[in-house]
């Protein structure tokens, strides 16, 4: 009877654990809502803006003209309008961020799932490969890869994706090793389910929310990586991105000309998108990890939380000292 009850419960737990989870995690957290709104707003700007602004490189005035009514953020070192450049730069920066995050999730997901599911020699070999990539410094590897394979946008996406897959692999490996030992996975295997069915029907649905949270965090990392790669002169010279705008500002001596409007706006855009993606990913991660939600110290909000009442052990009440024969009798009863 016990085994039949457990077998009947297993599909129900699997079905109720995930549907609507991401929606609840996002709508239940204010920081996730703010982050999603900001990211969607920048995506719309990057998609629709270039069709409205026209040629962003067209010279419309003198070099480093200050902000005015006709040019809200002034002009850059080539006399181009900064608003048009920022709008067009959003498309490239977001494209690199999301595409590189997808490459990283794809590589890290395959490695992590295979290592966690099969274990043994497969786990050892894949984790040693992961360790090798972990110890390689990011910036020198990017410089060498860009110098060897070229500075095209496709190469930048592949370089960033190949470098930052290791965290995803280790995270999914640990989760898959836990899921594969659950009762419904064991019962499915005992009933003759193959490895592919176990992975696609039982393992991947359970780790999907974790993959989504990690993807959002990787978008922030990829956008920041593209910015400093381009700032170092390793980005695509034909593409306009926020990192390219910052590099052009330094190349054209914007600091010496006190043209803060050529440097600050693209840096602020990078900071806002990275912060929004981090807030969204952190909210989903906190919903996935109950320890972050009930912990005494909130790492995400840097404030103290109230300890949960469940599971708290209250100290025993102190009894007043007894005297006489009654005290001796109660003492003996306690010892028994």
C-alpha atoms as a PDB file:
ATOM      1  CA  UNK A   1       0.000   0.000   0.000  1.00  0.00           C
ATOM      2  CA  UNK A   2       2.801   2.385   0.855  1.00  0.00           C
ATOM      3  CA  UNK A   3       4.561   1.864  -2.497  1.00  0.00           C
ATOM      4  CA  UNK A   4       1.305   2.361  -4.420  1.00  0.00           C
ATOM      5  CA  UNK A   5       0.609   5.568  -2.537  1.00  0.00           C
ATOM      6  CA  UNK A   6       4.097   6.910  -3.246  1.00  0.00           C
ATOM      7  CA  UNK A   7       3.925   6.004  -6.928  1.00  0.00           C
ATOM      8  CA  UNK A   8       0.601   7.787  -7.261  1.00  0.00           C
ATOM      9  CA  UNK A   9       1.931  10.869  -5.550  1.00  0.00           C
ATOM     10  CA  UNK A  10       5.131  11.162  -7.624  1.00  0.00           C
ATOM     11  CA  UNK A  11       3.604  12.557 -10.849  1.00  0.00           C
ATOM     12  CA  UNK A  12       1.482  14.962  -8.810  1.00  0.00           C
ATOM     13  CA  UNK A  13       4.526  16.438  -7.102  1.00  0.00           C
ATOM     14  CA  UNK A  14       6.313  16.800 -10.410  1.00  0.00           C
ATOM     15  CA  UNK A  15       3.320  18.497 -11.992  1.00  0.00           C
ATOM     16  CA  UNK A  16       2.682  20.918  -9.160  1.00  0.00           C
ATOM     17  CA  UNK A  17       6.277  21.880  -8.519  1.00  0.00           C
ATOM     18  CA  UNK A  18       6.855  23.815 -11.747  1.00  0.00           C
ATOM     19  CA  UNK A  19       3.756  25.121 -13.607  1.00  0.00           C
ATOM     20  CA  UNK A  20       3.277  28.790 -12.769  1.00  0.00           C
ATOM     21  CA  UNK A  21       6.434  28.836 -10.696  1.00  0.00           C
ATOM     22  CA  UNK A  22       8.280  31.476 -12.731  1.00  0.00           C
ATOM     23  CA  UNK A  23       5.186  33.661 -12.936  1.00  0.00           C
ATOM     24  CA  UNK A  24       4.781  33.503  -9.173  1.00  0.00           C
ATOM     25  CA  UNK A  25       8.473  34.146  -8.584  1.00  0.00           C
ATOM     26  CA  UNK A  26       8.466  37.198 -10.857  1.00  0.00           C
ATOM     27  CA  UNK A  27       5.141  38.744  -9.857  1.00  0.00           C
ATOM     28  CA  UNK A  28       5.747  38.097  -6.182  1.00  0.00           C
ATOM     29  CA  UNK A  29       8.963  40.110  -6.040  1.00  0.00           C
ATOM     30  CA  UNK A  30       9.031  43.853  -6.562  1.00  0.00           C
ATOM     31  CA  UNK A  31      12.647  43.837  -7.707  1.00  0.00           C
ATOM     32  CA  UNK A  32      11.847  41.212 -10.341  1.00  0.00           C
ATOM     33  CA  UNK A  33       8.982  43.320 -11.724  1.00  0.00           C
ATOM     34  CA  UNK A  34      11.196  46.400 -11.917  1.00  0.00           C
ATOM     35  CA  UNK A  35      13.984  44.432 -13.574  1.00  0.00           C
ATOM     36  CA  UNK A  36      11.664  42.872 -16.171  1.00  0.00           C
ATOM     37  CA  UNK A  37      10.123  46.263 -17.018  1.00  0.00           C
ATOM     38  CA  UNK A  38      13.540  47.851 -17.501  1.00  0.00           C
ATOM     39  CA  UNK A  39      14.840  44.995 -19.665  1.00  0.00           C
ATOM     40  CA  UNK A  40      11.698  44.959 -21.837  1.00  0.00           C
ATOM     41  CA  UNK A  41      11.890  48.747 -22.241  1.00  0.00           C
ATOM     42  CA  UNK A  42      15.488  48.571 -23.462  1.00  0.00           C
ATOM     43  CA  UNK A  43      14.619  45.681 -25.790  1.00  0.00           C
ATOM     44  CA  UNK A  44      11.835  47.737 -27.359  1.00  0.00           C
ATOM     45  CA  UNK A  45      14.168  50.704 -27.714  1.00  0.00           C
ATOM     46  CA  UNK A  46      16.809  48.530 -29.347  1.00  0.00           C
ATOM     47  CA  UNK A  47      14.325  46.934 -31.764  1.00  0.00           C
ATOM     48  CA  UNK A  48      12.179  49.925 -32.750  1.00  0.00           C
ATOM     49  CA  UNK A  49      14.600  52.813 -32.182  1.00  0.00           C
ATOM     50  CA  UNK A  50      16.986  52.264 -35.122  1.00  0.00           C
ATOM     51  CA  UNK A  51      14.055  52.464 -37.585  1.00  0.00           C
ATOM     52  CA  UNK A  52      13.028  55.836 -36.153  1.00  0.00           C
ATOM     53  CA  UNK A  53      16.339  57.621 -35.555  1.00  0.00           C
ATOM     54  CA  UNK A  54      17.869  57.160 -39.004  1.00  0.00           C
ATOM     55  CA  UNK A  55      21.629  57.177 -39.602  1.00  0.00           C
ATOM     56  CA  UNK A  56      23.265  57.394 -36.155  1.00  0.00           C
ATOM     57  CA  UNK A  57      26.712  58.312 -37.531  1.00  0.00           C
ATOM     58  CA  UNK A  58      25.529  61.355 -39.480  1.00  0.00           C
ATOM     59  CA  UNK A  59      27.245  64.590 -38.466  1.00  0.00           C
ATOM     60  CA  UNK A  60      24.632  67.054 -37.267  1.00  0.00           C
ATOM     61  CA  UNK A  61      26.761  69.693 -35.553  1.00  0.00           C
ATOM     62  CA  UNK A  62      30.153  70.636 -34.114  1.00  0.00           C
ATOM     63  CA  UNK A  63      32.317  68.173 -32.214  1.00  0.00           C
ATOM     64  CA  UNK A  64      31.371  67.670 -28.554  1.00  0.00           C
ATOM     65  CA  UNK A  65      28.502  70.115 -28.638  1.00  0.00           C
ATOM     66  CA  UNK A  66      26.915  70.283 -25.163  1.00  0.00           C
ATOM     67  CA  UNK A  67      23.362  69.065 -24.562  1.00  0.00           C
ATOM     68  CA  UNK A  68      20.683  71.398 -25.843  1.00  0.00           C
ATOM     69  CA  UNK A  69      17.032  71.437 -26.828  1.00  0.00           C
ATOM     70  CA  UNK A  70      17.765  70.028 -30.275  1.00  0.00           C
ATOM     71  CA  UNK A  71      20.254  67.436 -28.990  1.00  0.00           C
ATOM     72  CA  UNK A  72      19.258  66.283 -25.518  1.00  0.00           C
ATOM     73  CA  UNK A  73      22.519  64.446 -24.783  1.00  0.00           C
ATOM     74  CA  UNK A  74      24.825  66.536 -26.963  1.00  0.00           C
ATOM     75  CA  UNK A  75      27.118  65.336 -29.723  1.00  0.00           C
ATOM     76  CA  UNK A  76      30.096  62.979 -29.669  1.00  0.00           C
ATOM     77  CA  UNK A  77      33.615  63.401 -31.039  1.00  0.00           C
ATOM     78  CA  UNK A  78      32.377  62.982 -34.610  1.00  0.00           C
ATOM     79  CA  UNK A  79      29.469  65.419 -34.345  1.00  0.00           C
ATOM     80  CA  UNK A  80      26.849  62.623 -34.182  1.00  0.00           C
ATOM     81  CA  UNK A  81      23.820  62.814 -31.934  1.00  0.00           C
ATOM     82  CA  UNK A  82      24.338  60.830 -28.717  1.00  0.00           C
ATOM     83  CA  UNK A  83      20.681  59.838 -28.390  1.00  0.00           C
ATOM     84  CA  UNK A  84      20.731  58.148 -31.801  1.00  0.00           C
ATOM     85  CA  UNK A  85      24.002  56.421 -30.951  1.00  0.00           C
ATOM     86  CA  UNK A  86      22.650  55.143 -27.632  1.00  0.00           C
ATOM     87  CA  UNK A  87      19.484  53.790 -29.254  1.00  0.00           C
ATOM     88  CA  UNK A  88      21.441  51.955 -31.943  1.00  0.00           C
ATOM     89  CA  UNK A  89      24.020  50.778 -29.414  1.00  0.00           C
ATOM     90  CA  UNK A  90      21.282  49.164 -27.311  1.00  0.00           C
ATOM     91  CA  UNK A  91      20.479  46.721 -30.109  1.00  0.00           C
ATOM     92  CA  UNK A  92      24.047  45.434 -30.425  1.00  0.00           C
ATOM     93  CA  UNK A  93      24.758  45.291 -26.695  1.00  0.00           C
ATOM     94  CA  UNK A  94      21.521  43.428 -25.915  1.00  0.00           C
ATOM     95  CA  UNK A  95      22.041  41.112 -28.889  1.00  0.00           C
ATOM     96  CA  UNK A  96      25.499  40.167 -27.650  1.00  0.00           C
ATOM     97  CA  UNK A  97      24.231  39.779 -24.086  1.00  0.00           C
ATOM     98  CA  UNK A  98      21.347  37.447 -24.862  1.00  0.00           C
ATOM     99  CA  UNK A  99      23.152  35.485 -27.583  1.00  0.00           C
ATOM    100  CA  UNK A 100      26.272  34.937 -25.470  1.00  0.00           C
ATOM    101  CA  UNK A 101      24.101  33.904 -22.511  1.00  0.00           C
ATOM    102  CA  UNK A 102      22.326  31.381 -24.734  1.00  0.00           C
ATOM    103  CA  UNK A 103      25.653  29.911 -25.898  1.00  0.00           C
ATOM    104  CA  UNK A 104      26.885  29.729 -22.323  1.00  0.00           C
ATOM    105  CA  UNK A 105      23.684  28.075 -21.084  1.00  0.00           C
ATOM    106  CA  UNK A 106      23.747  25.600 -23.964  1.00  0.00           C
ATOM    107  CA  UNK A 107      27.323  24.472 -23.293  1.00  0.00           C
ATOM    108  CA  UNK A 108      27.059  24.559 -19.507  1.00  0.00           C
ATOM    109  CA  UNK A 109      23.659  22.867 -19.541  1.00  0.00           C
ATOM    110  CA  UNK A 110      24.835  19.937 -21.648  1.00  0.00           C
ATOM    111  CA  UNK A 111      27.987  19.466 -19.577  1.00  0.00           C
ATOM    112  CA  UNK A 112      26.195  19.823 -16.238  1.00  0.00           C
ATOM    113  CA  UNK A 113      23.300  17.506 -17.062  1.00  0.00           C
ATOM    114  CA  UNK A 114      25.521  14.786 -18.513  1.00  0.00           C
ATOM    115  CA  UNK A 115      27.986  14.968 -15.617  1.00  0.00           C
ATOM    116  CA  UNK A 116      25.276  14.924 -12.962  1.00  0.00           C
ATOM    117  CA  UNK A 117      23.114  12.251 -14.568  1.00  0.00           C
ATOM    118  CA  UNK A 118      25.708   9.665 -15.577  1.00  0.00           C
ATOM    119  CA  UNK A 119      28.341  10.295 -12.886  1.00  0.00           C
ATOM    120  CA  UNK A 120      31.410   8.082 -12.703  1.00  0.00           C
ATOM    121  CA  UNK A 121      34.072   8.593 -15.369  1.00  0.00           C
ATOM    122  CA  UNK A 122      31.822  10.913 -17.366  1.00  0.00           C
ATOM    123  CA  UNK A 123      31.433  13.179 -14.356  1.00  0.00           C
ATOM    124  CA  UNK A 124      35.163  13.152 -13.634  1.00  0.00           C
ATOM    125  CA  UNK A 125      36.164  13.938 -17.234  1.00  0.00           C
ATOM    126  CA  UNK A 126      33.626  16.752 -17.693  1.00  0.00           C
ATOM    127  CA  UNK A 127      34.388  18.331 -14.322  1.00  0.00           C
ATOM    128  CA  UNK A 128      38.124  18.290 -15.012  1.00  0.00           C
ATOM    129  CA  UNK A 129      37.419  20.084 -18.285  1.00  0.00           C
ATOM    130  CA  UNK A 130      35.310  22.583 -16.361  1.00  0.00           C
ATOM    131  CA  UNK A 131      38.121  23.147 -13.864  1.00  0.00           C
ATOM    132  CA  UNK A 132      40.556  23.892 -16.682  1.00  0.00           C
ATOM    133  CA  UNK A 133      38.268  26.609 -18.021  1.00  0.00           C
ATOM    134  CA  UNK A 134      37.740  27.979 -14.523  1.00  0.00           C
ATOM    135  CA  UNK A 135      41.437  28.636 -13.911  1.00  0.00           C
ATOM    136  CA  UNK A 136      42.014  30.416 -17.230  1.00  0.00           C
ATOM    137  CA  UNK A 137      41.929  34.221 -16.757  1.00  0.00           C
ATOM    138  CA  UNK A 138      39.010  35.746 -18.635  1.00  0.00           C
ATOM    139  CA  UNK A 139      40.532  38.922 -20.052  1.00  0.00           C
ATOM    140  CA  UNK A 140      43.786  37.408 -21.433  1.00  0.00           C
ATOM    141  CA  UNK A 141      41.781  34.586 -23.030  1.00  0.00           C
ATOM    142  CA  UNK A 142      39.434  37.099 -24.668  1.00  0.00           C
ATOM    143  CA  UNK A 143      42.350  39.133 -25.984  1.00  0.00           C
ATOM    144  CA  UNK A 144      44.064  36.084 -27.462  1.00  0.00           C
ATOM    145  CA  UNK A 145      40.842  34.681 -28.943  1.00  0.00           C
ATOM    146  CA  UNK A 146      39.875  38.017 -30.519  1.00  0.00           C
ATOM    147  CA  UNK A 147      43.359  38.418 -31.977  1.00  0.00           C
ATOM    148  CA  UNK A 148      43.348  34.877 -33.429  1.00  0.00           C
ATOM    149  CA  UNK A 149      39.795  34.593 -34.756  1.00  0.00           C
ATOM    150  CA  UNK A 150      38.999  38.195 -35.593  1.00  0.00           C
ATOM    151  CA  UNK A 151      36.844  40.935 -34.072  1.00  0.00           C
ATOM    152  CA  UNK A 152      33.510  40.171 -35.662  1.00  0.00           C
ATOM    153  CA  UNK A 153      30.297  40.269 -33.657  1.00  0.00           C
ATOM    154  CA  UNK A 154      29.816  36.517 -34.051  1.00  0.00           C
ATOM    155  CA  UNK A 155      33.272  35.796 -32.649  1.00  0.00           C
ATOM    156  CA  UNK A 156      32.661  38.089 -29.671  1.00  0.00           C
ATOM    157  CA  UNK A 157      29.441  36.226 -28.870  1.00  0.00           C
ATOM    158  CA  UNK A 158      31.140  32.836 -29.114  1.00  0.00           C
ATOM    159  CA  UNK A 159      34.130  33.965 -27.039  1.00  0.00           C
ATOM    160  CA  UNK A 160      31.954  35.281 -24.194  1.00  0.00           C
ATOM    161  CA  UNK A 161      29.678  32.222 -24.297  1.00  0.00           C
ATOM    162  CA  UNK A 162      32.564  29.750 -24.253  1.00  0.00           C
ATOM    163  CA  UNK A 163      34.272  31.485 -21.336  1.00  0.00           C
ATOM    164  CA  UNK A 164      31.311  31.830 -18.941  1.00  0.00           C
ATOM    165  CA  UNK A 165      29.668  28.376 -19.148  1.00  0.00           C
ATOM    166  CA  UNK A 166      31.544  26.853 -16.207  1.00  0.00           C
ATOM    167  CA  UNK A 167      29.313  28.221 -13.427  1.00  0.00           C
ATOM    168  CA  UNK A 168      26.212  26.896 -15.166  1.00  0.00           C
ATOM    169  CA  UNK A 169      27.767  23.455 -15.573  1.00  0.00           C
ATOM    170  CA  UNK A 170      28.698  23.095 -11.906  1.00  0.00           C
ATOM    171  CA  UNK A 171      25.339  24.423 -10.737  1.00  0.00           C
ATOM    172  CA  UNK A 172      23.283  22.068 -12.918  1.00  0.00           C
ATOM    173  CA  UNK A 173      25.514  19.109 -12.102  1.00  0.00           C
ATOM    174  CA  UNK A 174      24.784  19.475  -8.398  1.00  0.00           C
ATOM    175  CA  UNK A 175      21.045  19.838  -9.010  1.00  0.00           C
ATOM    176  CA  UNK A 176      20.837  16.888 -11.404  1.00  0.00           C
ATOM    177  CA  UNK A 177      22.736  14.621  -9.005  1.00  0.00           C
ATOM    178  CA  UNK A 178      20.058  15.369  -6.418  1.00  0.00           C
ATOM    179  CA  UNK A 179      17.098  14.934  -8.784  1.00  0.00           C
ATOM    180  CA  UNK A 180      18.237  11.610 -10.211  1.00  0.00           C
ATOM    181  CA  UNK A 181      17.978  10.022  -6.741  1.00  0.00           C
ATOM    182  CA  UNK A 182      14.346  10.995  -6.209  1.00  0.00           C
ATOM    183  CA  UNK A 183      11.728   8.294  -5.951  1.00  0.00           C
ATOM    184  CA  UNK A 184       9.840   9.024  -9.162  1.00  0.00           C
ATOM    185  CA  UNK A 185      13.057   8.936 -11.223  1.00  0.00           C
ATOM    186  CA  UNK A 186      14.022   5.609  -9.679  1.00  0.00           C
ATOM    187  CA  UNK A 187      10.570   4.178 -10.350  1.00  0.00           C
ATOM    188  CA  UNK A 188      10.632   5.367 -13.964  1.00  0.00           C
ATOM    189  CA  UNK A 189      14.017   3.724 -14.427  1.00  0.00           C
ATOM    190  CA  UNK A 190      12.752   0.503 -12.842  1.00  0.00           C
ATOM    191  CA  UNK A 191       9.799   0.496 -15.229  1.00  0.00           C
ATOM    192  CA  UNK A 192      12.187   0.514 -18.202  1.00  0.00           C
ATOM    193  CA  UNK A 193      12.528   4.218 -19.054  1.00  0.00           C
ATOM    194  CA  UNK A 194      15.710   4.967 -20.993  1.00  0.00           C
ATOM    195  CA  UNK A 195      18.261   7.665 -20.246  1.00  0.00           C
ATOM    196  CA  UNK A 196      16.900  10.068 -22.862  1.00  0.00           C
ATOM    197  CA  UNK A 197      13.367   9.793 -21.482  1.00  0.00           C
ATOM    198  CA  UNK A 198      14.568  10.283 -17.923  1.00  0.00           C
ATOM    199  CA  UNK A 199      16.546  13.372 -18.892  1.00  0.00           C
ATOM    200  CA  UNK A 200      13.908  15.071 -21.050  1.00  0.00           C
ATOM    201  CA  UNK A 201      10.794  14.072 -19.085  1.00  0.00           C
ATOM    202  CA  UNK A 202      11.999  14.081 -15.477  1.00  0.00           C
ATOM    203  CA  UNK A 203      15.317  15.924 -15.150  1.00  0.00           C
ATOM    204  CA  UNK A 204      15.052  18.937 -17.473  1.00  0.00           C
ATOM    205  CA  UNK A 205      11.578  20.081 -16.296  1.00  0.00           C
ATOM    206  CA  UNK A 206      12.910  20.180 -12.743  1.00  0.00           C
ATOM    207  CA  UNK A 207      16.013  22.249 -13.554  1.00  0.00           C
ATOM    208  CA  UNK A 208      14.298  24.580 -16.061  1.00  0.00           C
ATOM    209  CA  UNK A 209      13.564  27.398 -13.537  1.00  0.00           C
ATOM    210  CA  UNK A 210      17.169  27.232 -12.352  1.00  0.00           C
ATOM    211  CA  UNK A 211      18.337  27.530 -15.965  1.00  0.00           C
ATOM    212  CA  UNK A 212      16.121  30.580 -16.474  1.00  0.00           C
ATOM    213  CA  UNK A 213      17.480  32.300 -13.371  1.00  0.00           C
ATOM    214  CA  UNK A 214      21.057  31.585 -14.358  1.00  0.00           C
ATOM    215  CA  UNK A 215      20.407  32.784 -17.924  1.00  0.00           C
ATOM    216  CA  UNK A 216      19.184  36.164 -16.721  1.00  0.00           C
ATOM    217  CA  UNK A 217      22.279  36.544 -14.551  1.00  0.00           C
ATOM    218  CA  UNK A 218      24.492  35.554 -17.482  1.00  0.00           C
ATOM    219  CA  UNK A 219      22.903  38.262 -19.650  1.00  0.00           C
ATOM    220  CA  UNK A 220      24.223  40.860 -17.219  1.00  0.00           C
ATOM    221  CA  UNK A 221      27.675  39.259 -17.254  1.00  0.00           C
ATOM    222  CA  UNK A 222      27.733  39.052 -21.056  1.00  0.00           C
ATOM    223  CA  UNK A 223      26.710  42.699 -21.549  1.00  0.00           C
ATOM    224  CA  UNK A 224      29.391  43.841 -19.139  1.00  0.00           C
ATOM    225  CA  UNK A 225      31.964  41.578 -20.834  1.00  0.00           C
ATOM    226  CA  UNK A 226      31.085  42.970 -24.268  1.00  0.00           C
ATOM    227  CA  UNK A 227      31.474  46.488 -22.931  1.00  0.00           C
ATOM    228  CA  UNK A 228      34.987  46.044 -21.595  1.00  0.00           C
ATOM    229  CA  UNK A 229      36.058  43.897 -24.569  1.00  0.00           C
ATOM    230  CA  UNK A 230      35.002  46.660 -26.943  1.00  0.00           C
ATOM    231  CA  UNK A 231      36.537  49.307 -24.707  1.00  0.00           C
ATOM    232  CA  UNK A 232      39.861  47.485 -24.990  1.00  0.00           C
ATOM    233  CA  UNK A 233      39.603  47.739 -28.776  1.00  0.00           C
ATOM    234  CA  UNK A 234      38.686  44.086 -29.386  1.00  0.00           C
ATOM    235  CA  UNK A 235      35.070  44.587 -30.459  1.00  0.00           C
ATOM    236  CA  UNK A 236      33.587  44.707 -33.934  1.00  0.00           C
ATOM    237  CA  UNK A 237      34.735  48.044 -35.427  1.00  0.00           C
ATOM    238  CA  UNK A 238      31.699  48.227 -37.722  1.00  0.00           C
ATOM    239  CA  UNK A 239      29.068  47.761 -34.968  1.00  0.00           C
ATOM    240  CA  UNK A 240      27.783  50.511 -32.679  1.00  0.00           C
ATOM    241  CA  UNK A 241      27.479  49.358 -29.083  1.00  0.00           C
ATOM    242  CA  UNK A 242      27.632  51.047 -25.706  1.00  0.00           C
ATOM    243  CA  UNK A 243      31.174  49.806 -25.258  1.00  0.00           C
ATOM    244  CA  UNK A 244      32.112  51.271 -28.653  1.00  0.00           C
ATOM    245  CA  UNK A 245      30.713  54.664 -27.610  1.00  0.00           C
ATOM    246  CA  UNK A 246      32.829  54.671 -24.462  1.00  0.00           C
ATOM    247  CA  UNK A 247      35.919  53.664 -26.429  1.00  0.00           C
ATOM    248  CA  UNK A 248      35.302  56.397 -29.020  1.00  0.00           C
ATOM    249  CA  UNK A 249      34.876  58.964 -26.251  1.00  0.00           C
ATOM    250  CA  UNK A 250      38.255  58.098 -24.745  1.00  0.00           C
ATOM    251  CA  UNK A 251      39.901  57.962 -28.174  1.00  0.00           C
ATOM    252  CA  UNK A 252      38.549  61.427 -29.068  1.00  0.00           C
ATOM    253  CA  UNK A 253      39.758  62.893 -25.736  1.00  0.00           C
ATOM    254  CA  UNK A 254      36.311  63.574 -24.359  1.00  0.00           C
ATOM    255  CA  UNK A 255      37.737  63.910 -20.845  1.00  0.00           C
ATOM    256  CA  UNK A 256      40.177  66.618 -21.904  1.00  0.00           C
ATOM    257  CA  UNK A 257      37.314  68.490 -23.573  1.00  0.00           C
ATOM    258  CA  UNK A 258      35.081  68.103 -20.491  1.00  0.00           C
ATOM    259  CA  UNK A 259      32.517  66.305 -22.650  1.00  0.00           C
ATOM    260  CA  UNK A 260      30.983  64.168 -19.927  1.00  0.00           C
ATOM    261  CA  UNK A 261      27.889  63.567 -22.083  1.00  0.00           C
ATOM    262  CA  UNK A 262      29.980  61.398 -24.421  1.00  0.00           C
ATOM    263  CA  UNK A 263      31.035  59.010 -21.618  1.00  0.00           C
ATOM    264  CA  UNK A 264      28.409  59.004 -18.884  1.00  0.00           C
ATOM    265  CA  UNK A 265      25.203  58.090 -20.834  1.00  0.00           C
ATOM    266  CA  UNK A 266      26.508  54.802 -22.335  1.00  0.00           C
ATOM    267  CA  UNK A 267      28.012  53.842 -18.979  1.00  0.00           C
ATOM    268  CA  UNK A 268      24.711  54.567 -17.250  1.00  0.00           C
ATOM    269  CA  UNK A 269      22.832  52.426 -19.808  1.00  0.00           C
ATOM    270  CA  UNK A 270      25.187  49.502 -19.178  1.00  0.00           C
ATOM    271  CA  UNK A 271      24.805  49.896 -15.413  1.00  0.00           C
ATOM    272  CA  UNK A 272      20.988  50.058 -15.581  1.00  0.00           C
ATOM    273  CA  UNK A 273      20.612  46.959 -17.779  1.00  0.00           C
ATOM    274  CA  UNK A 274      23.151  44.963 -15.760  1.00  0.00           C
ATOM    275  CA  UNK A 275      21.419  45.945 -12.521  1.00  0.00           C
ATOM    276  CA  UNK A 276      17.975  45.073 -13.920  1.00  0.00           C
ATOM    277  CA  UNK A 277      19.136  41.653 -15.105  1.00  0.00           C
ATOM    278  CA  UNK A 278      20.840  41.005 -11.770  1.00  0.00           C
ATOM    279  CA  UNK A 279      17.713  41.985  -9.825  1.00  0.00           C
ATOM    280  CA  UNK A 280      15.522  39.696 -11.927  1.00  0.00           C
ATOM    281  CA  UNK A 281      17.902  36.746 -11.731  1.00  0.00           C
ATOM    282  CA  UNK A 282      18.402  37.222  -7.994  1.00  0.00           C
ATOM    283  CA  UNK A 283      14.639  37.258  -7.379  1.00  0.00           C
ATOM    284  CA  UNK A 284      14.152  33.994  -9.277  1.00  0.00           C
ATOM    285  CA  UNK A 285      17.163  32.477  -7.530  1.00  0.00           C
ATOM    286  CA  UNK A 286      15.770  33.471  -4.131  1.00  0.00           C
ATOM    287  CA  UNK A 287      12.449  31.863  -4.994  1.00  0.00           C
ATOM    288  CA  UNK A 288      14.280  28.699  -6.005  1.00  0.00           C
ATOM    289  CA  UNK A 289      16.426  28.547  -2.889  1.00  0.00           C
ATOM    290  CA  UNK A 290      14.277  28.609   0.277  1.00  0.00           C
ATOM    291  CA  UNK A 291      17.379  29.182   2.398  1.00  0.00           C
ATOM    292  CA  UNK A 292      17.701  32.680   0.957  1.00  0.00           C
ATOM    293  CA  UNK A 293      14.053  33.392   1.793  1.00  0.00           C
ATOM    294  CA  UNK A 294      14.137  32.279   5.462  1.00  0.00           C
ATOM    295  CA  UNK A 295      17.747  32.961   6.352  1.00  0.00           C
ATOM    296  CA  UNK A 296      18.537  35.195   9.285  1.00  0.00           C
ATOM    297  CA  UNK A 297      20.770  37.445   7.163  1.00  0.00           C
ATOM    298  CA  UNK A 298      19.458  38.463   3.735  1.00  0.00           C
ATOM    299  CA  UNK A 299      22.401  38.539   1.366  1.00  0.00           C
ATOM    300  CA  UNK A 300      20.317  40.145  -1.384  1.00  0.00           C
ATOM    301  CA  UNK A 301      18.907  43.018   0.678  1.00  0.00           C
ATOM    302  CA  UNK A 302      21.696  43.442   3.215  1.00  0.00           C
ATOM    303  CA  UNK A 303      19.350  43.558   6.186  1.00  0.00           C
ATOM    304  CA  UNK A 304      18.403  41.279   9.034  1.00  0.00           C
ATOM    305  CA  UNK A 305      15.361  39.070   8.667  1.00  0.00           C
ATOM    306  CA  UNK A 306      13.218  37.676  11.441  1.00  0.00           C
ATOM    307  CA  UNK A 307      13.992  34.100  12.281  1.00  0.00           C
ATOM    308  CA  UNK A 308      11.232  31.650  11.279  1.00  0.00           C
ATOM    309  CA  UNK A 309       9.073  30.367  14.136  1.00  0.00           C
ATOM    310  CA  UNK A 310       8.874  26.844  12.664  1.00  0.00           C
ATOM    311  CA  UNK A 311      11.518  24.564  14.021  1.00  0.00           C
ATOM    312  CA  UNK A 312      12.643  26.972  16.747  1.00  0.00           C
ATOM    313  CA  UNK A 313      13.466  25.239  19.998  1.00  0.00           C
ATOM    314  CA  UNK A 314      12.299  27.211  23.021  1.00  0.00           C
ATOM    315  CA  UNK A 315      14.463  26.989  26.160  1.00  0.00           C
ATOM    316  CA  UNK A 316      12.863  25.041  29.018  1.00  0.00           C
ATOM    317  CA  UNK A 317      11.189  27.062  31.710  1.00  0.00           C
ATOM    318  CA  UNK A 318      13.192  27.393  34.944  1.00  0.00           C
ATOM    319  CA  UNK A 319      11.435  25.732  37.860  1.00  0.00           C
ATOM    320  CA  UNK A 320      11.680  27.274  41.341  1.00  0.00           C
ATOM    321  CA  UNK A 321      13.830  25.289  43.791  1.00  0.00           C
ATOM    322  CA  UNK A 322      11.828  22.803  45.899  1.00  0.00           C
ATOM    323  CA  UNK A 323      12.330  22.301  49.630  1.00  0.00           C
ATOM    324  CA  UNK A 324      11.605  19.498  52.059  1.00  0.00           C
ATOM    325  CA  UNK A 325      10.299  16.037  51.324  1.00  0.00           C
ATOM    326  CA  UNK A 326       8.266  17.210  48.316  1.00  0.00           C
ATOM    327  CA  UNK A 327      11.420  18.569  46.704  1.00  0.00           C
ATOM    328  CA  UNK A 328      13.277  15.322  47.282  1.00  0.00           C
ATOM    329  CA  UNK A 329      10.399  13.277  45.859  1.00  0.00           C
ATOM    330  CA  UNK A 330      10.132  15.445  42.739  1.00  0.00           C
ATOM    331  CA  UNK A 331      13.880  15.247  42.299  1.00  0.00           C
ATOM    332  CA  UNK A 332      13.788  11.444  42.388  1.00  0.00           C
ATOM    333  CA  UNK A 333      10.904  11.416  39.909  1.00  0.00           C
ATOM    334  CA  UNK A 334      12.913  13.581  37.547  1.00  0.00           C
ATOM    335  CA  UNK A 335      15.883  11.227  37.727  1.00  0.00           C
ATOM    336  CA  UNK A 336      13.714   8.250  36.875  1.00  0.00           C
END
